[in-house]
Amino acid sequence: TASGSGGADVLGVRIGEHPGKTRIVLDLDGVSPFRHDLDQNENVLIVTLPEAVWKTASQKDFSAHPLLRSYRTQPGKDGGTVLVLRFKKPVRLVAATPLGPGGTAAHRILFDIAPVK
C-alpha cells in the first residue's frame, strides 16, 4: 500500500542483537511500502522498496557477525531500491514490521531474523 507521499529516503541501517534473534532496522524519513522475499536455499532476504531512495552506504560486509554476511543495494526495475541481505547460514524471518515515528526514532522498517534450528 503506497503512502502517496512520493516515497521516502532510507537514511541508515542498524543491526542489533537480541536474545534468539538479530534485528535489522532501516531508518527512513517517511513512510515507504516494502515487499520481502526470503530464499532459504540461497540464504538471502530480498527487500523491495519501490518508492524509496537509498541515502546511506550502498553495501556493507559483516565479517564478525554470526548470521549476517553482507548487504548490498541496487536500483529497482521501476525505480526505488532493492536491498539484498546475505546470511552465513539458513535463517527464518520472525517479523517484518513497519513502524511510525516514536520518541526519538523516525520511521523504521524492522526485520527480526533467527537461525533455523
C-alpha atoms as a PDB file:
ATOM      1  CA  THR A   1       0.000   0.000   0.000  1.00  0.00           C
ATOM      2  CA  ALA A   2       1.652   3.193  -1.176  1.00  0.00           C
ATOM      3  CA  SER A   3       1.723   6.204   1.082  1.00  0.00           C
ATOM      4  CA  GLY A   4       1.159   8.644  -1.758  1.00  0.00           C
ATOM      5  CA  SER A   5       3.978  10.779  -0.396  1.00  0.00           C
ATOM      6  CA  GLY A   6       6.204  10.120  -3.388  1.00  0.00           C
ATOM      7  CA  GLY A   7       8.496   7.866  -1.417  1.00  0.00           C
ATOM      8  CA  ALA A   8      10.969   8.160   1.383  1.00  0.00           C
ATOM      9  CA  ASP A   9      14.725   8.189   1.820  1.00  0.00           C
ATOM     10  CA  VAL A  10      16.499   5.347   3.610  1.00  0.00           C
ATOM     11  CA  LEU A  11      18.888   7.175   5.928  1.00  0.00           C
ATOM     12  CA  GLY A  12      20.513   4.310   7.795  1.00  0.00           C
ATOM     13  CA  VAL A  13      20.753   0.605   8.535  1.00  0.00           C
ATOM     14  CA  ARG A  14      21.145  -0.610  12.108  1.00  0.00           C
ATOM     15  CA  ILE A  15      21.901  -4.130  13.280  1.00  0.00           C
ATOM     16  CA  GLY A  16      21.063  -5.166  16.833  1.00  0.00           C
ATOM     17  CA  GLU A  17      21.409  -8.390  18.779  1.00  0.00           C
ATOM     18  CA  HIS A  18      18.504  -9.602  20.892  1.00  0.00           C
ATOM     19  CA  PRO A  19      18.003 -12.941  22.688  1.00  0.00           C
ATOM     20  CA  GLY A  20      17.498 -15.547  19.971  1.00  0.00           C
ATOM     21  CA  LYS A  21      17.347 -13.100  17.064  1.00  0.00           C
ATOM     22  CA  THR A  22      19.094 -10.402  15.082  1.00  0.00           C
ATOM     23  CA  ARG A  23      17.167  -7.194  14.393  1.00  0.00           C
ATOM     24  CA  ILE A  24      17.833  -5.271  11.196  1.00  0.00           C
ATOM     25  CA  VAL A  25      16.328  -1.780  11.159  1.00  0.00           C
ATOM     26  CA  LEU A  26      16.012   0.543   8.182  1.00  0.00           C
ATOM     27  CA  ASP A  27      15.690   4.189   9.254  1.00  0.00           C
ATOM     28  CA  LEU A  28      13.583   6.291   6.872  1.00  0.00           C
ATOM     29  CA  ASP A  29      12.436   9.897   6.696  1.00  0.00           C
ATOM     30  CA  GLY A  30       8.871   8.891   5.828  1.00  0.00           C
ATOM     31  CA  VAL A  31       6.504   6.023   5.121  1.00  0.00           C
ATOM     32  CA  SER A  32       7.634   3.550   2.468  1.00  0.00           C
ATOM     33  CA  PRO A  33       5.848   0.499   1.127  1.00  0.00           C
ATOM     34  CA  PHE A  34       8.000  -2.625   1.006  1.00  0.00           C
ATOM     35  CA  ARG A  35       7.921  -6.263  -0.033  1.00  0.00           C
ATOM     36  CA  HIS A  36      10.230  -9.015   1.135  1.00  0.00           C
ATOM     37  CA  ASP A  37      11.184 -12.480  -0.039  1.00  0.00           C
ATOM     38  CA  LEU A  38      13.324 -14.914   1.959  1.00  0.00           C
ATOM     39  CA  ASP A  39      15.169 -17.506  -0.124  1.00  0.00           C
ATOM     40  CA  GLN A  40      16.276 -20.170   2.354  1.00  0.00           C
ATOM     41  CA  ASN A  41      18.162 -22.116  -0.322  1.00  0.00           C
ATOM     42  CA  GLU A  42      20.379 -19.122  -1.084  1.00  0.00           C
ATOM     43  CA  ASN A  43      20.326 -17.655   2.470  1.00  0.00           C
ATOM     44  CA  VAL A  44      19.165 -14.317   1.064  1.00  0.00           C
ATOM     45  CA  LEU A  45      16.466 -11.852   2.127  1.00  0.00           C
ATOM     46  CA  ILE A  46      15.426  -9.517  -0.686  1.00  0.00           C
ATOM     47  CA  VAL A  47      13.610  -6.352   0.356  1.00  0.00           C
ATOM     48  CA  THR A  48      11.995  -4.284  -2.389  1.00  0.00           C
ATOM     49  CA  LEU A  49      11.337  -0.628  -1.560  1.00  0.00           C
ATOM     50  CA  PRO A  50       9.593   0.547  -4.745  1.00  0.00           C
ATOM     51  CA  GLU A  51       9.355   4.206  -3.709  1.00  0.00           C
ATOM     52  CA  ALA A  52      12.457   4.643  -1.539  1.00  0.00           C
ATOM     53  CA  VAL A  53      15.743   6.339  -2.360  1.00  0.00           C
ATOM     54  CA  TRP A  54      18.811   4.802  -0.665  1.00  0.00           C
ATOM     55  CA  LYS A  55      20.839   7.572   1.044  1.00  0.00           C
ATOM     56  CA  THR A  56      23.273   5.554   3.152  1.00  0.00           C
ATOM     57  CA  ALA A  57      26.113   3.099   2.429  1.00  0.00           C
ATOM     58  CA  SER A  58      25.068   1.053  -0.605  1.00  0.00           C
ATOM     59  CA  GLN A  59      26.860  -2.047   0.632  1.00  0.00           C
ATOM     60  CA  LYS A  60      28.484  -3.374   3.770  1.00  0.00           C
ATOM     61  CA  ASP A  61      30.178  -6.587   4.866  1.00  0.00           C
ATOM     62  CA  PHE A  62      29.779  -8.075   8.354  1.00  0.00           C
ATOM     63  CA  SER A  63      32.710 -10.461   8.705  1.00  0.00           C
ATOM     64  CA  ALA A  64      32.418 -10.684  12.503  1.00  0.00           C
ATOM     65  CA  HIS A  65      28.628 -11.107  12.659  1.00  0.00           C
ATOM     66  CA  PRO A  66      27.410 -14.648  13.441  1.00  0.00           C
ATOM     67  CA  LEU A  67      24.456 -14.535  10.993  1.00  0.00           C
ATOM     68  CA  LEU A  68      24.669 -11.584   8.628  1.00  0.00           C
ATOM     69  CA  ARG A  69      27.288 -11.799   5.868  1.00  0.00           C
ATOM     70  CA  SER A  70      26.585  -8.589   3.935  1.00  0.00           C
ATOM     71  CA  TYR A  71      24.071  -6.309   2.359  1.00  0.00           C
ATOM     72  CA  ARG A  72      24.071  -4.521  -0.951  1.00  0.00           C
ATOM     73  CA  THR A  73      21.577  -2.359  -2.774  1.00  0.00           C
ATOM     74  CA  GLN A  74      20.656  -1.872  -6.392  1.00  0.00           C
ATOM     75  CA  PRO A  75      18.138   0.294  -8.220  1.00  0.00           C
ATOM     76  CA  GLY A  76      14.719  -1.278  -8.669  1.00  0.00           C
ATOM     77  CA  LYS A  77      13.490  -2.092 -12.178  1.00  0.00           C
ATOM     78  CA  ASP A  78      10.776   0.560 -11.933  1.00  0.00           C
ATOM     79  CA  GLY A  79      12.539   2.935  -9.556  1.00  0.00           C
ATOM     80  CA  GLY A  80      13.056   2.640  -5.856  1.00  0.00           C
ATOM     81  CA  THR A  81      15.630   0.368  -4.269  1.00  0.00           C
ATOM     82  CA  VAL A  82      16.226  -3.359  -3.857  1.00  0.00           C
ATOM     83  CA  LEU A  83      18.111  -4.404  -0.708  1.00  0.00           C
ATOM     84  CA  VAL A  84      19.777  -7.830  -0.727  1.00  0.00           C
ATOM     85  CA  LEU A  85      20.782  -9.212   2.693  1.00  0.00           C
ATOM     86  CA  ARG A  86      23.049 -12.279   2.613  1.00  0.00           C
ATOM     87  CA  PHE A  87      23.354 -14.642   5.567  1.00  0.00           C
ATOM     88  CA  LYS A  88      26.055 -17.102   6.618  1.00  0.00           C
ATOM     89  CA  LYS A  89      23.584 -19.897   7.408  1.00  0.00           C
ATOM     90  CA  PRO A  90      19.883 -20.644   6.955  1.00  0.00           C
ATOM     91  CA  VAL A  91      17.632 -18.145   8.719  1.00  0.00           C
ATOM     92  CA  ARG A  92      13.940 -17.645   9.286  1.00  0.00           C
ATOM     93  CA  LEU A  93      12.082 -14.366   9.281  1.00  0.00           C
ATOM     94  CA  VAL A  94      10.487 -13.796  12.688  1.00  0.00           C
ATOM     95  CA  ALA A  95       8.994 -10.374  11.904  1.00  0.00           C
ATOM     96  CA  ALA A  96       8.873  -7.740   9.164  1.00  0.00           C
ATOM     97  CA  THR A  97       7.197  -4.656  10.575  1.00  0.00           C
ATOM     98  CA  PRO A  98       6.892  -1.002   9.541  1.00  0.00           C
ATOM     99  CA  LEU A  99       6.934   1.390  12.500  1.00  0.00           C
ATOM    100  CA  GLY A 100       5.926   5.036  12.623  1.00  0.00           C
ATOM    101  CA  PRO A 101       7.863   7.716  14.460  1.00  0.00           C
ATOM    102  CA  GLY A 102       8.062   7.346  18.205  1.00  0.00           C
ATOM    103  CA  GLY A 103      10.184   9.046  20.831  1.00  0.00           C
ATOM    104  CA  THR A 104      13.488   9.916  19.209  1.00  0.00           C
ATOM    105  CA  ALA A 105      13.053   7.358  16.414  1.00  0.00           C
ATOM    106  CA  ALA A 106      11.938   8.209  12.903  1.00  0.00           C
ATOM    107  CA  HIS A 107      10.015   5.965  10.532  1.00  0.00           C
ATOM    108  CA  ARG A 108      11.503   2.473  10.501  1.00  0.00           C
ATOM    109  CA  ILE A 109      11.114  -0.927   8.944  1.00  0.00           C
ATOM    110  CA  LEU A 110      12.384  -3.718  11.152  1.00  0.00           C
ATOM    111  CA  PHE A 111      13.222  -7.295  10.309  1.00  0.00           C
ATOM    112  CA  ASP A 112      13.815  -9.885  13.020  1.00  0.00           C
ATOM    113  CA  ILE A 113      15.920 -12.804  11.803  1.00  0.00           C
ATOM    114  CA  ALA A 114      16.719 -16.013  13.670  1.00  0.00           C
ATOM    115  CA  PRO A 115      18.809 -19.037  12.716  1.00  0.00           C
ATOM    116  CA  VAL A 116      16.905 -22.080  11.538  1.00  0.00           C
ATOM    117  CA  LYS A 117      17.096 -24.640  14.329  1.00  0.00           C
END
